[in-house]
Amino acid sequence: MRAGYALGGDDGCISDARHHAVAFLDQARADHHLYAPTDVRDFVQLVVSELVTNARKYAPGPVLLELRINARAVEVVVWDSEPSVPAARAADPGRIGQHGLEIVKAVTEDLFIEQESVGKRITARIALSERGERVTTPWA
């Protein structure tokens, strides 16, 4: 299952993106019996928030959000118009802010950053379970 959303890049787009993520996971459960445990739902919202925040902060124009789910993982894909590829900074406990990519890397199984003809696409994969087993319902 997949769904795409165009976000205007205004102040409310980060909150809108998180709401889209929750609604998407609810629909995946209702329509396809793909269950995301509470911690995964929290990670998806966190990743969406961090990636959309960065896109809004560093790239002019709209942001595209795509959400995908299958029996193994949830993927959060964010496209923005800035071609520069972000990099996680070296650990610095004294640094205030700019920890978003570090956070995303810490809670995801995989993180891919691709430059496009216009802008870049960041794909973050969050496993539905720690061991990668198929989880389709809370009672399975």
Protein backbone atom coordinates (compact mmCIF):
# COMPACT_ATOMS: atom_id res chain seq x y z
CA MET A 1 0.00 0.00 0.00
CA ARG A 2 1.22 3.50 -0.76
CA ALA A 3 -0.05 7.06 -0.64
CA GLY A 4 1.37 10.41 -1.71
CA TYR A 5 0.82 13.89 -0.37
CA ALA A 6 1.83 17.32 -1.66
CA LEU A 7 2.73 19.62 1.22
CA GLY A 8 2.72 23.35 0.59
CA GLY A 9 5.80 24.12 2.65
CA ASP A 10 3.95 26.49 4.98
CA ASP A 11 4.06 26.44 8.79
CA GLY A 12 1.32 23.81 9.08
CA CYS A 13 2.82 21.29 6.67
CA ILE A 14 4.83 19.46 9.36
CA SER A 15 1.75 18.84 11.46
CA ASP A 16 -0.22 17.90 8.33
CA ALA A 17 2.48 15.38 7.40
CA ARG A 18 2.31 13.71 10.83
CA HIS A 19 -1.50 13.52 10.57
CA HIS A 20 -1.20 11.97 7.10
CA ALA A 21 1.19 9.36 8.51
CA VAL A 22 -1.19 8.35 11.31
CA ALA A 23 -4.17 8.19 8.94
CA PHE A 24 -2.12 6.13 6.47
CA LEU A 25 -1.15 3.59 9.15
CA ASP A 26 -4.76 3.40 10.36
CA GLN A 27 -5.94 2.76 6.80
CA ALA A 28 -3.26 0.10 6.25
CA ARG A 29 -4.50 -1.72 9.33
CA ALA A 30 -8.19 -1.41 8.44
CA ASP A 31 -7.91 -2.21 4.72
CA HIS A 32 -4.94 -4.58 4.53
CA HIS A 33 -4.49 -5.91 8.09
CA LEU A 34 -0.96 -4.45 8.19
CA TYR A 35 -0.40 -3.61 11.83
CA ALA A 36 2.27 -1.17 12.96
CA PRO A 37 3.04 -1.49 16.68
CA THR A 38 2.95 1.65 18.83
CA ASP A 39 6.71 2.15 18.76
CA VAL A 40 6.75 1.89 14.96
CA ARG A 41 3.89 4.40 14.68
CA ASP A 42 5.86 6.76 16.92
CA PHE A 43 9.02 6.28 14.84
CA VAL A 44 7.11 6.91 11.60
CA GLN A 45 5.71 10.17 12.97
CA LEU A 46 9.17 11.18 14.24
CA VAL A 47 10.85 10.44 10.89
CA VAL A 48 8.11 12.26 8.96
CA SER A 49 8.45 15.24 11.28
CA GLU A 50 12.26 15.40 11.04
CA LEU A 51 12.45 14.94 7.26
CA VAL A 52 9.64 17.38 6.47
CA THR A 53 11.06 19.92 8.94
CA ASN A 54 14.44 19.74 7.18
CA ALA A 55 12.84 20.03 3.76
CA ARG A 56 10.84 23.03 4.87
CA LYS A 57 13.86 24.65 6.50
CA TYR A 58 16.42 24.14 3.72
CA ALA A 59 14.48 23.87 0.44
CA PRO A 60 12.28 26.45 -1.22
CA GLY A 61 8.89 25.40 -2.49
CA PRO A 62 6.69 22.38 -2.03
CA VAL A 63 7.53 19.11 -0.32
CA LEU A 64 6.26 15.73 -1.48
CA LEU A 65 5.63 12.96 1.05
CA GLU A 66 5.08 9.36 0.06
CA LEU A 67 4.25 6.62 2.56
CA ARG A 68 4.55 2.92 1.76
CA ILE A 69 3.87 -0.16 3.85
CA ASN A 70 4.24 -3.87 3.31
CA ALA A 71 4.41 -6.85 5.64
CA ARG A 72 7.99 -6.04 6.68
CA ALA A 73 8.40 -2.27 6.83
CA VAL A 74 7.05 1.25 6.52
CA GLU A 75 8.87 3.59 4.14
CA VAL A 76 8.78 7.35 4.47
CA VAL A 77 9.86 9.14 1.29
CA VAL A 78 10.34 12.91 1.23
CA TRP A 79 11.23 14.90 -1.89
CA ASP A 80 12.27 18.53 -1.85
CA SER A 81 13.77 20.97 -4.36
CA GLU A 82 17.19 21.38 -2.67
CA PRO A 83 19.79 19.29 -4.52
CA SER A 84 22.35 19.30 -1.67
CA VAL A 85 22.62 15.95 0.05
CA PRO A 86 22.45 16.26 3.84
CA ALA A 87 24.94 14.48 6.05
CA ALA A 88 24.74 13.59 9.72
CA ARG A 89 27.18 15.65 11.71
CA ALA A 90 29.74 14.24 14.10
CA ALA A 91 28.45 13.64 17.60
CA ASP A 92 28.67 16.77 19.74
CA PRO A 93 26.76 16.74 23.04
CA GLY A 94 27.20 20.52 23.28
CA ARG A 95 25.56 21.24 19.91
CA ILE A 96 22.07 22.64 20.13
CA GLY A 97 19.87 21.54 17.25
CA GLN A 98 20.78 19.98 13.91
CA HIS A 99 20.38 16.43 15.21
CA GLY A 100 17.51 15.50 12.87
CA LEU A 101 19.39 13.21 10.52
CA GLU A 102 21.14 11.53 13.46
CA ILE A 103 17.73 10.84 14.99
CA VAL A 104 16.36 9.47 11.72
CA LYS A 105 19.36 7.16 11.30
CA ALA A 106 18.95 5.90 14.87
CA VAL A 107 15.34 4.75 14.43
CA THR A 108 15.42 3.45 10.85
CA GLU A 109 16.53 0.19 9.33
CA ASP A 110 17.81 1.88 6.15
CA LEU A 111 18.20 5.43 4.91
CA PHE A 112 18.71 6.28 1.23
CA ILE A 113 19.39 9.73 -0.19
CA GLU A 114 19.16 10.17 -3.96
CA GLN A 115 19.82 13.28 -5.98
CA GLU A 116 17.19 13.83 -8.63
CA SER A 117 17.23 15.98 -11.77
CA VAL A 118 15.51 18.52 -9.53
CA GLY A 119 16.13 18.28 -5.81
CA LYS A 120 16.57 15.10 -3.81
CA ARG A 121 14.59 12.16 -2.47
CA ILE A 122 15.17 10.73 1.00
CA THR A 123 13.76 7.29 1.80
CA ALA A 124 13.71 6.01 5.38
CA ARG A 125 12.70 2.39 6.08
CA ILE A 126 11.31 1.49 9.50
CA ALA A 127 10.98 -2.23 10.25
CA LEU A 128 7.59 -3.38 11.53
CA SER A 129 9.35 -5.67 14.00
CA GLU A 130 12.85 -5.90 15.44
CA ARG A 131 13.52 -9.36 14.06
CA GLY A 132 11.95 -8.72 10.67
CA GLU A 133 9.25 -11.35 11.08
CA ARG A 134 5.94 -10.80 9.33
CA VAL A 135 3.53 -8.92 11.57
CA THR A 136 0.06 -8.45 10.17
CA THR A 137 -2.23 -8.27 13.19
CA PRO A 138 -1.72 -7.49 16.87
CA TRP A 139 -2.76 -11.03 17.82
CA ALA A 140 -0.67 -12.87 15.20
